[in-house]
Amino acid sequence: MNTLLALSTLALSTSFQANPERVSVVSALKAAQSFTYKFEMEITTAAEKVLVTGKLTQSVNKLEGELTRWSSDWLEFKATHSEQETEVPTTIAKYAINKAGDITAWDGGVAQIDNARFFLFSRFVGPKASVAIGDVYKAEFQAIKGGQPAYSYTGKYVGHEKLKDIDMLKFTGKYAESGTNSLTSTSEFWVKPDGTVAKVISKFANYDIPPIGGPQSGVVTYTLDK
């Protein structure tokens, strides 16, 4: 099954069932859950370095059978470049994700970018079955009009790793959209024993950011704040 880990990059609450050799992910999604993350994106263009910072709160608004309705609210979202700080316009994003992990609808978010794709390239997709250290799993997603592009995901369970003295489950993931010169990313995910994603680092390439110009490459980091 696709768990909440397959439904959202960040805002998730699951339980892990593990024996000494294998780990299974079990969804425990509840309405009104919310998680806040510190956000940082660094892009180096031919002319300058651009740093974008802020906070993101993701909330589960409603559970509707096979569909989960979410919202994301960006706070203190600012870009720094050429030694100047600029506030980045945002609205509260509202989106729906089905049980299979597909984004079926998206509205709002950061101005002038494709928010669904921005969400997807750093999203953690969990394994459908139990995994042992080193196991690789794959998933294919079809394009949905008004929701998501077609893309593939390859995940790997790396094992346990300490983060701020807390024992975490470590996964990696590779995101690749269909077509040539398409958006791709390579990510690392640190997941707490209760299933909450504590940190995400995603290195991406070929993502269009119109305010900066042209397809860009960079690094996005999400760190659990509360």
Protein backbone atom coordinates (compact mmCIF):
# COMPACT_ATOMS: atom_id res chain seq x y z
CA MET A 1 0.00 0.00 0.00
CA ASN A 2 1.03 3.61 -0.39
CA THR A 3 1.33 5.10 3.05
CA LEU A 4 1.23 8.70 4.14
CA LEU A 5 4.95 8.72 3.42
CA ALA A 6 3.91 8.30 -0.20
CA LEU A 7 1.35 11.06 0.06
CA SER A 8 3.42 13.96 1.26
CA THR A 9 7.01 15.02 1.26
CA LEU A 10 6.92 16.40 4.73
CA ALA A 11 3.69 16.50 6.63
CA LEU A 12 3.26 12.95 7.83
CA SER A 13 2.65 10.90 10.88
CA THR A 14 3.14 7.17 10.54
CA SER A 15 4.26 4.31 12.69
CA PHE A 16 7.11 1.98 11.80
CA GLN A 17 6.94 -1.72 12.48
CA ALA A 18 10.38 -3.25 12.46
CA ASN A 19 12.26 -6.40 13.28
CA PRO A 20 16.06 -6.35 13.47
CA GLU A 21 16.30 -6.94 9.73
CA ARG A 22 13.29 -5.28 8.04
CA VAL A 23 11.19 -2.11 8.29
CA SER A 24 7.53 -1.65 7.34
CA VAL A 25 5.71 1.67 7.10
CA VAL A 26 2.15 1.88 8.40
CA SER A 27 0.01 4.95 7.78
CA ALA A 28 -1.60 6.80 10.71
CA LEU A 29 -2.95 9.90 8.99
CA LYS A 30 -5.38 12.07 10.96
CA ALA A 31 -7.38 15.17 10.14
CA ALA A 32 -6.13 18.48 11.58
CA GLN A 33 -2.51 17.31 11.81
CA SER A 34 0.02 19.99 10.98
CA PHE A 35 3.80 20.20 10.76
CA THR A 36 6.08 23.21 10.39
CA TYR A 37 9.43 23.08 8.61
CA LYS A 38 12.26 25.53 8.18
CA PHE A 39 12.97 25.90 4.49
CA GLU A 40 16.10 26.86 2.58
CA MET A 41 16.84 26.79 -1.14
CA GLU A 42 20.21 27.70 -2.64
CA ILE A 43 20.64 28.30 -6.36
CA THR A 44 23.87 29.36 -8.04
CA THR A 45 23.35 31.01 -11.42
CA ALA A 46 26.00 32.20 -13.86
CA ALA A 47 25.72 35.66 -12.34
CA GLU A 48 25.05 35.17 -8.63
CA LYS A 49 23.97 33.00 -5.72
CA VAL A 50 20.30 33.13 -4.72
CA LEU A 51 19.20 32.05 -1.24
CA VAL A 52 15.51 31.57 -0.45
CA THR A 53 14.39 31.01 3.15
CA GLY A 54 11.15 30.71 5.05
CA LYS A 55 8.86 28.37 6.96
CA LEU A 56 6.28 25.94 5.62
CA THR A 57 3.31 24.63 7.57
CA GLN A 58 1.55 21.63 6.02
CA SER A 59 -1.86 20.64 7.34
CA VAL A 60 -4.29 17.79 6.78
CA ASN A 61 -7.60 19.55 6.16
CA LYS A 62 -9.94 16.65 5.47
CA LEU A 63 -10.03 12.91 4.90
CA GLU A 64 -12.52 11.95 2.19
CA GLY A 65 -12.33 8.21 1.68
CA GLU A 66 -9.68 7.65 -1.00
CA LEU A 67 -8.80 11.38 -1.05
CA THR A 68 -6.87 13.54 1.41
CA ARG A 69 -7.15 17.32 1.24
CA TRP A 70 -4.09 19.31 2.31
CA SER A 71 -3.03 22.91 2.68
CA SER A 72 0.44 24.49 2.78
CA ASP A 73 1.15 27.93 4.18
CA TRP A 74 4.46 29.70 3.52
CA LEU A 75 5.67 32.17 6.16
CA GLU A 76 8.52 34.69 6.12
CA PHE A 77 9.36 33.62 2.58
CA LYS A 78 12.25 35.74 1.31
CA ALA A 79 14.91 35.67 -1.41
CA THR A 80 18.39 37.14 -0.98
CA HIS A 81 20.51 37.96 -4.04
CA SER A 82 23.01 40.67 -4.94
CA GLU A 83 23.03 41.53 -1.22
CA GLN A 84 19.34 42.51 -1.44
CA GLU A 85 16.44 40.81 0.36
CA THR A 86 13.08 40.51 -1.38
CA GLU A 87 9.81 39.17 -0.04
CA VAL A 88 8.43 36.36 -2.20
CA PRO A 89 4.62 36.51 -2.77
CA THR A 90 2.73 33.40 -1.67
CA THR A 91 -0.81 32.24 -1.09
CA ILE A 92 -2.06 29.26 0.91
CA ALA A 93 -1.81 26.22 -1.35
CA LYS A 94 -4.69 23.76 -1.38
CA TYR A 95 -4.29 20.35 -2.98
CA ALA A 96 -5.71 16.83 -3.03
CA ILE A 97 -3.84 13.52 -3.00
CA ASN A 98 -5.42 10.12 -3.57
CA LYS A 99 -4.60 6.80 -1.92
CA ALA A 100 -2.19 5.89 -4.73
CA GLY A 101 -0.16 9.03 -4.01
CA ASP A 102 -1.31 11.02 -7.05
CA ILE A 103 -1.85 14.76 -6.84
CA THR A 104 -5.29 15.16 -8.40
CA ALA A 105 -5.66 18.94 -7.94
CA TRP A 106 -3.53 21.90 -6.88
CA ASP A 107 -4.23 25.60 -6.35
CA GLY A 108 -2.07 28.38 -4.89
CA GLY A 109 1.39 28.49 -3.33
CA VAL A 110 4.52 30.40 -4.30
CA ALA A 111 3.97 32.97 -7.05
CA GLN A 112 5.29 32.33 -10.59
CA ILE A 113 6.37 28.71 -10.17
CA ASP A 114 4.83 25.28 -10.76
CA ASN A 115 4.05 24.41 -7.15
CA ALA A 116 3.01 20.80 -7.70
CA ARG A 117 6.34 19.96 -9.35
CA PHE A 118 8.22 21.86 -6.65
CA PHE A 119 6.40 19.72 -4.08
CA LEU A 120 7.01 16.46 -5.94
CA PHE A 121 10.75 16.59 -6.50
CA SER A 122 11.43 16.59 -2.75
CA ARG A 123 8.58 14.26 -1.78
CA PHE A 124 9.33 11.05 0.09
CA VAL A 125 7.61 8.02 -1.43
CA GLY A 126 7.57 5.14 1.02
CA PRO A 127 7.99 1.44 0.19
CA LYS A 128 4.83 -0.63 -0.40
CA ALA A 129 6.32 -3.65 1.37
CA SER A 130 8.79 -4.18 4.18
CA VAL A 131 12.39 -3.40 3.29
CA ALA A 132 15.83 -4.38 4.56
CA ILE A 133 18.91 -2.18 4.54
CA GLY A 134 20.01 -1.69 0.94
CA ASP A 135 16.65 -2.64 -0.59
CA VAL A 136 15.57 -0.56 -3.62
CA TYR A 137 11.93 0.01 -4.57
CA LYS A 138 10.33 1.80 -7.52
CA ALA A 139 7.07 3.56 -8.39
CA GLU A 140 5.63 5.01 -11.60
CA PHE A 141 3.11 7.89 -11.64
CA GLN A 142 0.97 8.96 -14.59
CA ALA A 143 0.27 12.56 -15.59
CA ILE A 144 -2.97 14.04 -14.23
CA LYS A 145 -4.32 17.23 -15.76
CA GLY A 146 -4.38 20.00 -13.17
CA GLY A 147 -2.35 17.83 -10.81
CA GLN A 148 0.98 16.25 -11.66
CA PRO A 149 3.31 15.37 -14.55
CA ALA A 150 4.29 11.78 -15.37
CA TYR A 151 7.33 10.74 -13.33
CA SER A 152 9.19 7.83 -11.82
CA TYR A 153 10.56 7.40 -8.31
CA THR A 154 13.32 5.10 -7.08
CA GLY A 155 13.73 4.76 -3.32
CA LYS A 156 16.26 3.00 -1.13
CA TYR A 157 16.31 2.15 2.57
CA VAL A 158 19.79 3.06 3.81
CA GLY A 159 19.46 2.13 7.49
CA HIS A 160 19.70 3.96 10.81
CA GLU A 161 21.48 7.28 11.27
CA LYS A 162 21.71 9.76 14.14
CA LEU A 163 20.31 13.27 13.66
CA LYS A 164 20.60 15.60 16.66
CA ASP A 165 21.23 12.54 18.85
CA ILE A 166 17.96 10.91 17.73
CA ASP A 167 18.10 7.57 15.95
CA MET A 168 16.50 8.05 12.52
CA LEU A 169 15.55 5.83 9.61
CA LYS A 170 17.45 6.98 6.53
CA PHE A 171 16.08 6.74 2.98
CA THR A 172 17.21 8.11 -0.37
CA GLY A 173 15.05 8.86 -3.39
CA LYS A 174 15.44 9.70 -7.07
CA TYR A 175 12.72 11.64 -8.91
CA ALA A 176 12.65 11.83 -12.71
CA GLU A 177 9.98 13.34 -14.93
CA SER A 178 9.29 11.83 -18.35
CA GLY A 179 10.99 13.25 -21.43
CA THR A 180 14.40 14.70 -22.26
CA ASN A 181 15.98 17.56 -20.28
CA SER A 182 13.30 17.03 -17.64
CA LEU A 183 13.21 17.91 -13.96
CA THR A 184 15.15 15.45 -11.81
CA SER A 185 16.22 15.29 -8.18
CA THR A 186 18.20 13.18 -5.75
CA SER A 187 17.07 13.35 -2.12
CA GLU A 188 17.94 12.19 1.37
CA PHE A 189 15.27 11.68 4.03
CA TRP A 190 15.67 11.33 7.80
CA VAL A 191 12.59 9.86 9.47
CA LYS A 192 11.90 9.75 13.21
CA PRO A 193 10.85 6.48 14.92
CA ASP A 194 7.24 7.73 15.06
CA GLY A 195 7.29 8.23 11.29
CA THR A 196 7.64 12.01 11.17
CA VAL A 197 10.03 13.21 8.48
CA ALA A 198 12.60 15.28 10.37
CA LYS A 199 14.77 16.46 7.49
CA VAL A 200 14.89 16.45 3.70
CA ILE A 201 17.76 17.48 1.43
CA SER A 202 16.99 17.49 -2.30
CA LYS A 203 19.41 18.33 -5.09
CA PHE A 204 17.43 19.22 -8.20
CA ALA A 205 18.14 20.06 -11.84
CA ASN A 206 16.12 21.56 -14.72
CA TYR A 207 13.46 23.27 -12.66
CA ASP A 208 12.02 26.45 -14.18
CA ILE A 209 12.03 29.47 -11.86
CA PRO A 210 10.81 32.41 -14.00
CA PRO A 211 11.89 35.19 -11.59
CA ILE A 212 15.47 33.92 -11.89
CA GLY A 213 15.23 32.80 -15.50
CA GLY A 214 15.50 29.46 -17.28
CA PRO A 215 15.89 25.95 -15.89
CA GLN A 216 17.83 26.02 -12.64
CA SER A 217 19.74 23.60 -10.42
CA GLY A 218 20.04 23.89 -6.69
CA VAL A 219 19.55 22.38 -3.24
CA VAL A 220 16.40 22.45 -1.10
CA THR A 221 16.45 21.67 2.62
CA TYR A 222 13.46 21.14 4.92
CA THR A 223 14.08 20.77 8.67
CA LEU A 224 11.29 19.98 11.13
CA ASP A 225 10.66 23.00 13.37
CA LYS A 226 7.65 21.85 15.36
